[in-house]
Amino acid sequence: MQCALNTKPQRATQQLMKRVVYNQFGGPEVLKLSKGEVPQVKRGQVLVKMAATSINGGDLAFRQGPKYLKPFIRLPRALGQDVVGKVVALGSGVTDFHVGDRVWGNTTTSSNAAAEFVAVPAHKLSLMPVSLTMTEAAGLPCSATTALVALVDKGHIKHGDEVLIRGAGGVGTFGVQIAKTYGANVTILGSHETIAEMARLGADRALDYHRVKAEQLGKFDIIFDTVGTQQDAFRTNLKPAGRLLTISLDGQKFLTVVKSLRYGKHRSRVVVAFPNRANLSHLAELVDTGRVKPVTDGVYPMNQVVEAYQRAEKHGIVGKIVIQISEAE
């Protein structure tokens, strides 16, 4: 008897990759390495073989599951925003990159860069700085472009401005360098573990926030708040036309800023920066001309992602925590 032929179309075997996910909210211990399908590159996208990513505040906030975000987060969820790696495939319509290009960028809201491959819209990528390794570059896309957009696009920083930066984490370290590039006089408040590094990066005054009060600091053209506390107290440090810029999106602190927008006499802005090719290219130029340098607290392999996040949540770290995904330099 002749066997019947199976004429049903067969699905091609999908290539698998490693990625970091969490299935429940909580501390770093909820993070797991998981197998997932390599994404199919769509029109207008670039498939990137990831070399490294870094940890950002948004990664921490989503994983911890704050009440005002929980209704909008579907589990299981991947994480990671910073993209650094090599182009391995191009979607239709993409003409400004080539296979093999070294690129950097950001996944924005999809947060899936802690994986061996990621598909990214081409407009969210640019060629990375030629002067950096991929590991060195991994800490910059999200944090440095946030500082760039805040100070330049929103704050309209100019030569001679008095700038106060609150917080010496990833965004703060790049804020110091960018503000000095534009000729500002920079005061930064950080922990005692960070102030020596902030002075090395160019801060005119690097002060331990435990040892100084707002009223002792003077007046500023720009206050760049990366921590989100005591905003009302520090608002009194603004000059008459001063600008308060904050990247805090915590629910109660966000309401404080909104109230200031409505009733305050000073200009306050919440900065949410989504890196695009223009500001990524601008940042690459600042890096390649030596005006902005990476600041890395530590580098962890992908299989030590729990330890990486434990370090990121400690007090007094200097710069970014990088997660090494491959050796694709």
C-alpha atoms as a PDB file:
ATOM      1  CA  MET A   1       0.000   0.000   0.000  1.00  0.00           C
ATOM      2  CA  GLN A   2       1.327   3.374  -0.970  1.00  0.00           C
ATOM      3  CA  CYS A   3       1.768   5.923   1.804  1.00  0.00           C
ATOM      4  CA  ALA A   4      -0.126   9.180   1.436  1.00  0.00           C
ATOM      5  CA  LEU A   5       2.039  12.265   0.922  1.00  0.00           C
ATOM      6  CA  ASN A   6       1.857  15.031   3.518  1.00  0.00           C
ATOM      7  CA  THR A   7       1.069  18.061   1.398  1.00  0.00           C
ATOM      8  CA  LYS A   8       0.609  20.432   4.353  1.00  0.00           C
ATOM      9  CA  PRO A   9       3.185  23.266   4.182  1.00  0.00           C
ATOM     10  CA  GLN A  10       6.009  22.745   6.652  1.00  0.00           C
ATOM     11  CA  ARG A  11       7.058  25.652   8.847  1.00  0.00           C
ATOM     12  CA  ALA A  12      10.764  26.403   8.634  1.00  0.00           C
ATOM     13  CA  THR A  13      12.684  25.700  11.796  1.00  0.00           C
ATOM     14  CA  GLN A  14      13.092  28.985  13.662  1.00  0.00           C
ATOM     15  CA  GLN A  15      16.535  29.810  15.042  1.00  0.00           C
ATOM     16  CA  LEU A  16      16.605  30.184  18.817  1.00  0.00           C
ATOM     17  CA  MET A  17      18.523  32.655  20.953  1.00  0.00           C
ATOM     18  CA  LYS A  18      19.156  33.416  24.608  1.00  0.00           C
ATOM     19  CA  ARG A  19      17.408  36.360  26.232  1.00  0.00           C
ATOM     20  CA  VAL A  20      16.715  37.732  29.709  1.00  0.00           C
ATOM     21  CA  VAL A  21      13.098  37.728  30.909  1.00  0.00           C
ATOM     22  CA  TYR A  22      11.058  37.917  34.083  1.00  0.00           C
ATOM     23  CA  ASN A  23       7.772  36.135  34.761  1.00  0.00           C
ATOM     24  CA  GLN A  24       6.857  38.018  37.924  1.00  0.00           C
ATOM     25  CA  PHE A  25       7.596  41.362  39.543  1.00  0.00           C
ATOM     26  CA  GLY A  26      10.237  41.591  42.225  1.00  0.00           C
ATOM     27  CA  GLY A  27      13.939  41.943  42.905  1.00  0.00           C
ATOM     28  CA  PRO A  28      16.860  40.930  40.685  1.00  0.00           C
ATOM     29  CA  GLU A  29      16.293  37.272  41.566  1.00  0.00           C
ATOM     30  CA  VAL A  30      13.216  37.130  39.266  1.00  0.00           C
ATOM     31  CA  LEU A  31      15.428  37.546  36.180  1.00  0.00           C
ATOM     32  CA  LYS A  32      16.018  34.391  34.160  1.00  0.00           C
ATOM     33  CA  LEU A  33      17.848  33.338  31.018  1.00  0.00           C
ATOM     34  CA  SER A  34      15.329  31.938  28.561  1.00  0.00           C
ATOM     35  CA  LYS A  35      15.205  30.603  25.012  1.00  0.00           C
ATOM     36  CA  GLY A  36      13.301  32.626  22.457  1.00  0.00           C
ATOM     37  CA  GLU A  37      13.003  32.853  18.703  1.00  0.00           C
ATOM     38  CA  VAL A  38      15.366  35.129  16.810  1.00  0.00           C
ATOM     39  CA  PRO A  39      13.098  37.964  15.652  1.00  0.00           C
ATOM     40  CA  GLN A  40      12.072  38.149  12.010  1.00  0.00           C
ATOM     41  CA  VAL A  41      13.254  41.431  10.544  1.00  0.00           C
ATOM     42  CA  LYS A  42      10.354  43.473   9.181  1.00  0.00           C
ATOM     43  CA  ARG A  43      10.164  46.330   6.716  1.00  0.00           C
ATOM     44  CA  GLY A  44      12.149  49.313   7.962  1.00  0.00           C
ATOM     45  CA  GLN A  45      13.962  47.258  10.603  1.00  0.00           C
ATOM     46  CA  VAL A  46      17.552  46.189  11.167  1.00  0.00           C
ATOM     47  CA  LEU A  47      18.473  42.869  12.794  1.00  0.00           C
ATOM     48  CA  VAL A  48      21.367  43.416  15.197  1.00  0.00           C
ATOM     49  CA  LYS A  49      23.578  40.718  16.715  1.00  0.00           C
ATOM     50  CA  MET A  50      23.980  42.153  20.186  1.00  0.00           C
ATOM     51  CA  ALA A  51      27.388  42.644  21.763  1.00  0.00           C
ATOM     52  CA  ALA A  52      26.337  44.407  24.964  1.00  0.00           C
ATOM     53  CA  THR A  53      23.588  46.369  26.661  1.00  0.00           C
ATOM     54  CA  SER A  54      23.374  48.267  29.941  1.00  0.00           C
ATOM     55  CA  ILE A  55      21.002  48.737  32.855  1.00  0.00           C
ATOM     56  CA  ASN A  56      18.779  51.812  32.933  1.00  0.00           C
ATOM     57  CA  GLY A  57      16.296  53.182  35.424  1.00  0.00           C
ATOM     58  CA  GLY A  58      13.363  52.088  33.291  1.00  0.00           C
ATOM     59  CA  ASP A  59      14.535  48.470  33.467  1.00  0.00           C
ATOM     60  CA  LEU A  60      14.515  48.653  37.266  1.00  0.00           C
ATOM     61  CA  ALA A  61      11.128  50.371  37.460  1.00  0.00           C
ATOM     62  CA  PHE A  62       9.312  47.948  35.171  1.00  0.00           C
ATOM     63  CA  ARG A  63      10.801  44.852  36.807  1.00  0.00           C
ATOM     64  CA  GLN A  64       9.847  46.035  40.292  1.00  0.00           C
ATOM     65  CA  GLY A  65       6.268  46.593  39.104  1.00  0.00           C
ATOM     66  CA  PRO A  66       5.202  49.910  40.676  1.00  0.00           C
ATOM     67  CA  LYS A  67       1.451  50.223  41.161  1.00  0.00           C
ATOM     68  CA  TYR A  68       0.923  52.866  38.492  1.00  0.00           C
ATOM     69  CA  LEU A  69       2.691  50.723  35.852  1.00  0.00           C
ATOM     70  CA  LYS A  70       1.472  47.214  36.708  1.00  0.00           C
ATOM     71  CA  PRO A  71      -1.813  47.423  34.749  1.00  0.00           C
ATOM     72  CA  PHE A  72       0.160  48.168  31.581  1.00  0.00           C
ATOM     73  CA  ILE A  73       2.870  45.498  31.864  1.00  0.00           C
ATOM     74  CA  ARG A  74       2.288  42.076  30.343  1.00  0.00           C
ATOM     75  CA  LEU A  75       4.267  39.143  31.716  1.00  0.00           C
ATOM     76  CA  PRO A  76       6.517  37.432  30.856  1.00  0.00           C
ATOM     77  CA  ARG A  77       8.534  40.465  29.804  1.00  0.00           C
ATOM     78  CA  ALA A  78      11.979  40.899  28.308  1.00  0.00           C
ATOM     79  CA  LEU A  79      14.202  43.798  29.268  1.00  0.00           C
ATOM     80  CA  GLY A  80      17.056  45.969  28.057  1.00  0.00           C
ATOM     81  CA  GLN A  81      16.950  49.234  26.095  1.00  0.00           C
ATOM     82  CA  ASP A  82      20.497  50.001  24.948  1.00  0.00           C
ATOM     83  CA  VAL A  83      21.448  48.394  21.633  1.00  0.00           C
ATOM     84  CA  VAL A  84      25.089  47.938  20.613  1.00  0.00           C
ATOM     85  CA  GLY A  85      26.157  45.352  18.055  1.00  0.00           C
ATOM     86  CA  LYS A  86      26.603  44.421  14.393  1.00  0.00           C
ATOM     87  CA  VAL A  87      24.030  44.491  11.620  1.00  0.00           C
ATOM     88  CA  VAL A  88      23.308  40.960  10.373  1.00  0.00           C
ATOM     89  CA  ALA A  89      20.174  41.520   8.255  1.00  0.00           C
ATOM     90  CA  LEU A  90      18.195  44.373   6.734  1.00  0.00           C
ATOM     91  CA  GLY A  91      14.454  44.657   6.311  1.00  0.00           C
ATOM     92  CA  SER A  92      12.998  45.872   3.046  1.00  0.00           C
ATOM     93  CA  GLY A  93      13.295  49.601   2.542  1.00  0.00           C
ATOM     94  CA  VAL A  94      16.453  49.999   4.638  1.00  0.00           C
ATOM     95  CA  THR A  95      19.171  51.579   2.505  1.00  0.00           C
ATOM     96  CA  ASP A  96      21.311  53.510   4.990  1.00  0.00           C
ATOM     97  CA  PHE A  97      22.967  50.550   6.738  1.00  0.00           C
ATOM     98  CA  HIS A  98      24.952  47.560   5.522  1.00  0.00           C
ATOM     99  CA  VAL A  99      25.475  44.080   6.940  1.00  0.00           C
ATOM    100  CA  GLY A 100      28.511  44.267   9.214  1.00  0.00           C
ATOM    101  CA  ASP A 101      27.976  47.886  10.309  1.00  0.00           C
ATOM    102  CA  ARG A 102      28.697  48.570  13.983  1.00  0.00           C
ATOM    103  CA  VAL A 103      25.613  50.342  15.295  1.00  0.00           C
ATOM    104  CA  TRP A 104      24.132  51.654  18.500  1.00  0.00           C
ATOM    105  CA  GLY A 105      20.671  52.777  19.474  1.00  0.00           C
ATOM    106  CA  ASN A 106      17.681  52.079  21.646  1.00  0.00           C
ATOM    107  CA  THR A 107      14.641  49.824  21.615  1.00  0.00           C
ATOM    108  CA  THR A 108      12.567  52.514  23.392  1.00  0.00           C
ATOM    109  CA  THR A 109       9.379  50.939  24.750  1.00  0.00           C
ATOM    110  CA  SER A 110       9.901  47.352  23.569  1.00  0.00           C
ATOM    111  CA  SER A 111      12.761  46.789  26.076  1.00  0.00           C
ATOM    112  CA  ASN A 112      14.161  43.582  24.610  1.00  0.00           C
ATOM    113  CA  ALA A 113      17.840  44.359  24.087  1.00  0.00           C
ATOM    114  CA  ALA A 114      19.113  41.885  26.696  1.00  0.00           C
ATOM    115  CA  ALA A 115      19.131  39.169  24.045  1.00  0.00           C
ATOM    116  CA  GLU A 116      21.490  37.730  21.448  1.00  0.00           C
ATOM    117  CA  PHE A 117      19.545  39.359  18.599  1.00  0.00           C
ATOM    118  CA  VAL A 118      17.156  42.297  18.404  1.00  0.00           C
ATOM    119  CA  ALA A 119      15.168  43.813  15.531  1.00  0.00           C
ATOM    120  CA  VAL A 120      15.183  47.610  15.721  1.00  0.00           C
ATOM    121  CA  PRO A 121      13.552  50.272  13.529  1.00  0.00           C
ATOM    122  CA  ALA A 122      16.346  51.766  11.427  1.00  0.00           C
ATOM    123  CA  HIS A 123      15.561  55.327  12.532  1.00  0.00           C
ATOM    124  CA  LYS A 124      16.435  54.386  16.129  1.00  0.00           C
ATOM    125  CA  LEU A 125      20.006  53.448  15.173  1.00  0.00           C
ATOM    126  CA  SER A 126      23.140  55.195  14.001  1.00  0.00           C
ATOM    127  CA  LEU A 127      26.722  54.156  13.385  1.00  0.00           C
ATOM    128  CA  MET A 128      28.458  53.923  16.754  1.00  0.00           C
ATOM    129  CA  PRO A 129      31.588  55.912  17.657  1.00  0.00           C
ATOM    130  CA  VAL A 130      34.683  54.540  15.952  1.00  0.00           C
ATOM    131  CA  SER A 131      36.791  55.304  19.027  1.00  0.00           C
ATOM    132  CA  LEU A 132      34.957  52.910  21.374  1.00  0.00           C
ATOM    133  CA  THR A 133      34.660  49.181  21.733  1.00  0.00           C
ATOM    134  CA  MET A 134      31.105  47.879  21.804  1.00  0.00           C
ATOM    135  CA  THR A 135      31.401  47.146  25.511  1.00  0.00           C
ATOM    136  CA  GLU A 136      32.498  50.720  26.193  1.00  0.00           C
ATOM    137  CA  ALA A 137      29.666  52.087  24.054  1.00  0.00           C
ATOM    138  CA  ALA A 138      26.918  50.036  25.702  1.00  0.00           C
ATOM    139  CA  GLY A 139      26.303  52.438  28.565  1.00  0.00           C
ATOM    140  CA  LEU A 140      25.702  55.521  26.447  1.00  0.00           C
ATOM    141  CA  PRO A 141      22.661  55.345  24.126  1.00  0.00           C
ATOM    142  CA  CYS A 142      19.857  55.809  26.657  1.00  0.00           C
ATOM    143  CA  SER A 143      21.607  57.699  29.472  1.00  0.00           C
ATOM    144  CA  ALA A 144      23.769  60.026  27.400  1.00  0.00           C
ATOM    145  CA  THR A 145      21.025  60.949  24.928  1.00  0.00           C
ATOM    146  CA  THR A 146      18.700  61.645  27.869  1.00  0.00           C
ATOM    147  CA  ALA A 147      21.244  64.136  29.211  1.00  0.00           C
ATOM    148  CA  LEU A 148      21.771  65.570  25.723  1.00  0.00           C
ATOM    149  CA  VAL A 149      18.054  66.073  25.047  1.00  0.00           C
ATOM    150  CA  ALA A 150      17.443  67.499  28.526  1.00  0.00           C
ATOM    151  CA  LEU A 151      20.252  70.029  28.556  1.00  0.00           C
ATOM    152  CA  VAL A 152      20.393  71.009  24.880  1.00  0.00           C
ATOM    153  CA  ASP A 153      16.913  70.513  23.413  1.00  0.00           C
ATOM    154  CA  LYS A 154      14.811  71.237  26.510  1.00  0.00           C
ATOM    155  CA  GLY A 155      17.153  73.297  28.669  1.00  0.00           C
ATOM    156  CA  HIS A 156      18.660  75.394  25.840  1.00  0.00           C
ATOM    157  CA  ILE A 157      22.000  75.371  27.639  1.00  0.00           C
ATOM    158  CA  LYS A 158      24.478  78.065  26.630  1.00  0.00           C
ATOM    159  CA  HIS A 159      27.985  79.222  27.457  1.00  0.00           C
ATOM    160  CA  GLY A 160      28.272  80.622  30.968  1.00  0.00           C
ATOM    161  CA  ASP A 161      25.091  79.042  32.336  1.00  0.00           C
ATOM    162  CA  GLU A 162      25.139  77.960  35.955  1.00  0.00           C
ATOM    163  CA  VAL A 163      23.987  74.335  35.989  1.00  0.00           C
ATOM    164  CA  LEU A 164      23.136  72.144  38.975  1.00  0.00           C
ATOM    165  CA  ILE A 165      22.950  68.389  38.372  1.00  0.00           C
ATOM    166  CA  ARG A 166      21.339  66.294  41.086  1.00  0.00           C
ATOM    167  CA  GLY A 167      22.521  62.696  41.004  1.00  0.00           C
ATOM    168  CA  ALA A 168      25.787  61.166  39.820  1.00  0.00           C
ATOM    169  CA  GLY A 169      24.450  57.978  38.244  1.00  0.00           C
ATOM    170  CA  GLY A 170      24.535  57.148  34.558  1.00  0.00           C
ATOM    171  CA  VAL A 171      22.600  60.199  33.346  1.00  0.00           C
ATOM    172  CA  GLY A 172      24.378  62.536  35.759  1.00  0.00           C
ATOM    173  CA  THR A 173      27.868  61.490  34.646  1.00  0.00           C
ATOM    174  CA  PHE A 174      26.995  62.314  31.037  1.00  0.00           C
ATOM    175  CA  GLY A 175      25.198  65.480  32.090  1.00  0.00           C
ATOM    176  CA  VAL A 176      28.433  66.841  33.572  1.00  0.00           C
ATOM    177  CA  GLN A 177      30.381  66.172  30.379  1.00  0.00           C
ATOM    178  CA  ILE A 178      27.732  67.581  28.031  1.00  0.00           C
ATOM    179  CA  ALA A 179      27.216  70.709  30.145  1.00  0.00           C
ATOM    180  CA  LYS A 180      30.970  71.374  30.155  1.00  0.00           C
ATOM    181  CA  THR A 181      31.077  70.852  26.377  1.00  0.00           C
ATOM    182  CA  TYR A 182      28.614  73.743  26.057  1.00  0.00           C
ATOM    183  CA  GLY A 183      30.673  75.980  28.336  1.00  0.00           C
ATOM    184  CA  ALA A 184      28.509  75.839  31.459  1.00  0.00           C
ATOM    185  CA  ASN A 185      29.661  76.098  35.053  1.00  0.00           C
ATOM    186  CA  VAL A 186      28.631  72.807  36.628  1.00  0.00           C
ATOM    187  CA  THR A 187      27.782  71.898  40.200  1.00  0.00           C
ATOM    188  CA  ILE A 188      26.862  68.268  40.837  1.00  0.00           C
ATOM    189  CA  LEU A 189      25.456  66.655  43.957  1.00  0.00           C
ATOM    190  CA  GLY A 190      26.332  63.010  44.503  1.00  0.00           C
ATOM    191  CA  SER A 191      27.302  60.554  47.200  1.00  0.00           C
ATOM    192  CA  HIS A 192      30.767  60.698  48.714  1.00  0.00           C
ATOM    193  CA  GLU A 193      31.724  57.636  46.617  1.00  0.00           C
ATOM    194  CA  THR A 194      31.063  59.518  43.366  1.00  0.00           C
ATOM    195  CA  ILE A 195      32.291  63.070  43.839  1.00  0.00           C
ATOM    196  CA  ALA A 196      35.956  62.412  42.972  1.00  0.00           C
ATOM    197  CA  GLU A 197      34.921  60.917  39.618  1.00  0.00           C
ATOM    198  CA  MET A 198      32.565  63.840  38.931  1.00  0.00           C
ATOM    199  CA  ALA A 199      35.418  66.278  39.503  1.00  0.00           C
ATOM    200  CA  ARG A 200      37.600  64.240  37.137  1.00  0.00           C
ATOM    201  CA  LEU A 201      34.881  64.486  34.488  1.00  0.00           C
ATOM    202  CA  GLY A 202      35.000  68.274  34.708  1.00  0.00           C
ATOM    203  CA  ALA A 203      32.503  69.394  37.344  1.00  0.00           C
ATOM    204  CA  ASP A 204      33.472  72.780  38.784  1.00  0.00           C
ATOM    205  CA  ARG A 205      31.942  71.777  42.119  1.00  0.00           C
ATOM    206  CA  ALA A 206      31.326  68.140  43.083  1.00  0.00           C
ATOM    207  CA  LEU A 207      29.564  68.047  46.443  1.00  0.00           C
ATOM    208  CA  ASP A 208      28.382  65.325  48.813  1.00  0.00           C
ATOM    209  CA  TYR A 209      24.622  65.785  49.006  1.00  0.00           C
ATOM    210  CA  HIS A 210      24.667  64.625  52.645  1.00  0.00           C
ATOM    211  CA  ARG A 211      26.829  67.589  53.598  1.00  0.00           C
ATOM    212  CA  VAL A 212      25.165  70.494  51.805  1.00  0.00           C
ATOM    213  CA  LYS A 213      21.707  72.049  51.894  1.00  0.00           C
ATOM    214  CA  ALA A 214      19.850  73.579  48.972  1.00  0.00           C
ATOM    215  CA  GLU A 215      20.031  77.105  50.416  1.00  0.00           C
ATOM    216  CA  GLN A 216      23.843  76.919  50.476  1.00  0.00           C
ATOM    217  CA  LEU A 217      24.212  76.334  46.739  1.00  0.00           C
ATOM    218  CA  GLY A 218      23.249  79.640  45.131  1.00  0.00           C
ATOM    219  CA  LYS A 219      21.139  80.269  42.030  1.00  0.00           C
ATOM    220  CA  PHE A 220      21.135  78.361  38.745  1.00  0.00           C
ATOM    221  CA  ASP A 221      19.984  78.796  35.169  1.00  0.00           C
ATOM    222  CA  ILE A 222      19.329  75.059  34.882  1.00  0.00           C
ATOM    223  CA  ILE A 223      18.673  72.420  37.522  1.00  0.00           C
ATOM    224  CA  PHE A 224      18.847  68.930  36.028  1.00  0.00           C
ATOM    225  CA  ASP A 225      17.222  66.528  38.485  1.00  0.00           C
ATOM    226  CA  THR A 226      17.958  62.842  37.949  1.00  0.00           C
ATOM    227  CA  VAL A 227      16.769  61.650  41.377  1.00  0.00           C
ATOM    228  CA  GLY A 228      13.267  63.117  41.767  1.00  0.00           C
ATOM    229  CA  THR A 229      13.328  64.103  45.450  1.00  0.00           C
ATOM    230  CA  GLN A 230      12.965  67.503  47.171  1.00  0.00           C
ATOM    231  CA  GLN A 231      11.990  69.226  43.949  1.00  0.00           C
ATOM    232  CA  ASP A 232      10.073  71.960  45.762  1.00  0.00           C
ATOM    233  CA  ALA A 233      13.091  72.781  47.933  1.00  0.00           C
ATOM    234  CA  PHE A 234      15.508  72.964  45.003  1.00  0.00           C
ATOM    235  CA  ARG A 235      13.114  75.007  42.873  1.00  0.00           C
ATOM    236  CA  THR A 236      14.014  77.979  45.072  1.00  0.00           C
ATOM    237  CA  ASN A 237      17.558  77.719  43.657  1.00  0.00           C
ATOM    238  CA  LEU A 238      16.394  78.741  40.188  1.00  0.00           C
ATOM    239  CA  LYS A 239      17.142  82.151  38.766  1.00  0.00           C
ATOM    240  CA  PRO A 240      14.058  84.141  37.623  1.00  0.00           C
ATOM    241  CA  ALA A 241      14.196  82.593  34.145  1.00  0.00           C
ATOM    242  CA  GLY A 242      15.642  79.283  35.338  1.00  0.00           C
ATOM    243  CA  ARG A 243      14.551  75.853  34.127  1.00  0.00           C
ATOM    244  CA  LEU A 244      14.010  72.718  36.207  1.00  0.00           C
ATOM    245  CA  LEU A 245      14.405  69.521  34.187  1.00  0.00           C
ATOM    246  CA  THR A 246      13.570  66.141  35.682  1.00  0.00           C
ATOM    247  CA  ILE A 247      13.689  62.588  34.391  1.00  0.00           C
ATOM    248  CA  SER A 248      11.720  61.219  37.345  1.00  0.00           C
ATOM    249  CA  LEU A 249       8.532  59.401  36.342  1.00  0.00           C
ATOM    250  CA  ASP A 250       7.558  58.150  39.781  1.00  0.00           C
ATOM    251  CA  GLY A 251       3.832  58.723  40.211  1.00  0.00           C
ATOM    252  CA  GLN A 252       3.821  61.122  43.177  1.00  0.00           C
ATOM    253  CA  LYS A 253       6.928  62.983  42.031  1.00  0.00           C
ATOM    254  CA  PHE A 254       5.428  63.306  38.564  1.00  0.00           C
ATOM    255  CA  LEU A 255       2.373  65.008  40.090  1.00  0.00           C
ATOM    256  CA  THR A 256       4.687  67.441  41.875  1.00  0.00           C
ATOM    257  CA  VAL A 257       6.197  68.475  38.553  1.00  0.00           C
ATOM    258  CA  VAL A 258       2.781  68.802  36.884  1.00  0.00           C
ATOM    259  CA  LYS A 259       1.660  71.055  39.736  1.00  0.00           C
ATOM    260  CA  SER A 260       4.748  73.192  39.180  1.00  0.00           C
ATOM    261  CA  LEU A 261       3.966  73.468  35.478  1.00  0.00           C
ATOM    262  CA  ARG A 262       0.564  74.856  36.315  1.00  0.00           C
ATOM    263  CA  TYR A 263       1.255  77.025  39.325  1.00  0.00           C
ATOM    264  CA  GLY A 264       5.006  77.598  39.539  1.00  0.00           C
ATOM    265  CA  LYS A 265       6.694  80.789  38.388  1.00  0.00           C
ATOM    266  CA  HIS A 266       9.676  78.850  37.008  1.00  0.00           C
ATOM    267  CA  ARG A 267       9.686  76.607  33.970  1.00  0.00           C
ATOM    268  CA  SER A 268       9.668  72.888  34.793  1.00  0.00           C
ATOM    269  CA  ARG A 269       9.915  70.074  32.287  1.00  0.00           C
ATOM    270  CA  VAL A 270       9.684  66.308  32.517  1.00  0.00           C
ATOM    271  CA  VAL A 271      12.207  64.881  30.062  1.00  0.00           C
ATOM    272  CA  VAL A 272      11.432  61.591  28.331  1.00  0.00           C
ATOM    273  CA  ALA A 273      14.107  61.047  25.687  1.00  0.00           C
ATOM    274  CA  PHE A 274      13.668  58.481  22.931  1.00  0.00           C
ATOM    275  CA  PRO A 275      17.004  58.297  21.093  1.00  0.00           C
ATOM    276  CA  ASN A 276      16.815  58.835  17.351  1.00  0.00           C
ATOM    277  CA  ARG A 277      19.438  58.885  14.644  1.00  0.00           C
ATOM    278  CA  ALA A 278      20.020  62.627  14.893  1.00  0.00           C
ATOM    279  CA  ASN A 279      20.906  62.710  18.579  1.00  0.00           C
ATOM    280  CA  LEU A 280      22.738  59.373  18.430  1.00  0.00           C
ATOM    281  CA  SER A 281      24.905  60.732  15.604  1.00  0.00           C
ATOM    282  CA  HIS A 282      25.484  63.953  17.557  1.00  0.00           C
ATOM    283  CA  LEU A 283      26.497  61.900  20.578  1.00  0.00           C
ATOM    284  CA  ALA A 284      28.868  59.772  18.470  1.00  0.00           C
ATOM    285  CA  GLU A 285      30.570  62.970  17.286  1.00  0.00           C
ATOM    286  CA  LEU A 286      30.973  64.191  20.877  1.00  0.00           C
ATOM    287  CA  VAL A 287      32.530  60.845  21.801  1.00  0.00           C
ATOM    288  CA  ASP A 288      34.883  60.661  18.825  1.00  0.00           C
ATOM    289  CA  THR A 289      36.125  64.205  19.481  1.00  0.00           C
ATOM    290  CA  GLY A 290      36.886  63.341  23.110  1.00  0.00           C
ATOM    291  CA  ARG A 291      34.238  65.551  24.696  1.00  0.00           C
ATOM    292  CA  VAL A 292      32.132  62.707  26.134  1.00  0.00           C
ATOM    293  CA  LYS A 293      33.651  59.544  27.595  1.00  0.00           C
ATOM    294  CA  PRO A 294      32.005  56.328  28.804  1.00  0.00           C
ATOM    295  CA  VAL A 295      31.855  55.819  32.555  1.00  0.00           C
ATOM    296  CA  THR A 296      31.443  52.141  33.445  1.00  0.00           C
ATOM    297  CA  ASP A 297      31.084  50.802  36.975  1.00  0.00           C
ATOM    298  CA  GLY A 298      31.239  47.147  35.965  1.00  0.00           C
ATOM    299  CA  VAL A 299      30.808  44.600  33.160  1.00  0.00           C
ATOM    300  CA  TYR A 300      28.933  41.329  33.718  1.00  0.00           C
ATOM    301  CA  PRO A 301      28.399  38.375  31.376  1.00  0.00           C
ATOM    302  CA  MET A 302      24.829  37.576  30.405  1.00  0.00           C
ATOM    303  CA  ASN A 303      24.690  34.565  32.733  1.00  0.00           C
ATOM    304  CA  GLN A 304      25.393  36.889  35.686  1.00  0.00           C
ATOM    305  CA  VAL A 305      22.461  39.209  34.999  1.00  0.00           C
ATOM    306  CA  VAL A 306      21.128  38.793  38.554  1.00  0.00           C
ATOM    307  CA  GLU A 307      24.466  39.913  40.000  1.00  0.00           C
ATOM    308  CA  ALA A 308      24.549  42.828  37.532  1.00  0.00           C
ATOM    309  CA  TYR A 309      21.171  44.083  38.715  1.00  0.00           C
ATOM    310  CA  GLN A 310      22.105  43.590  42.352  1.00  0.00           C
ATOM    311  CA  ARG A 311      25.092  45.848  41.763  1.00  0.00           C
ATOM    312  CA  ALA A 312      22.987  48.407  39.870  1.00  0.00           C
ATOM    313  CA  GLU A 313      20.676  48.760  42.859  1.00  0.00           C
ATOM    314  CA  LYS A 314      23.468  49.450  45.340  1.00  0.00           C
ATOM    315  CA  HIS A 315      24.134  52.963  46.584  1.00  0.00           C
ATOM    316  CA  GLY A 316      27.114  54.919  45.291  1.00  0.00           C
ATOM    317  CA  ILE A 317      27.890  53.205  41.993  1.00  0.00           C
ATOM    318  CA  VAL A 318      29.794  55.358  39.503  1.00  0.00           C
ATOM    319  CA  GLY A 319      28.554  55.201  35.912  1.00  0.00           C
ATOM    320  CA  LYS A 320      26.804  52.364  34.113  1.00  0.00           C
ATOM    321  CA  ILE A 321      26.497  48.618  34.625  1.00  0.00           C
ATOM    322  CA  VAL A 322      27.090  46.808  31.322  1.00  0.00           C
ATOM    323  CA  ILE A 323      25.858  43.326  30.409  1.00  0.00           C
ATOM    324  CA  GLN A 324      28.146  41.555  27.921  1.00  0.00           C
ATOM    325  CA  ILE A 325      26.137  39.431  25.501  1.00  0.00           C
ATOM    326  CA  SER A 326      28.722  38.348  22.931  1.00  0.00           C
ATOM    327  CA  GLU A 327      32.277  39.069  21.856  1.00  0.00           C
ATOM    328  CA  ALA A 328      31.187  40.698  18.577  1.00  0.00           C
ATOM    329  CA  GLU A 329      33.603  43.627  18.666  1.00  0.00           C
END
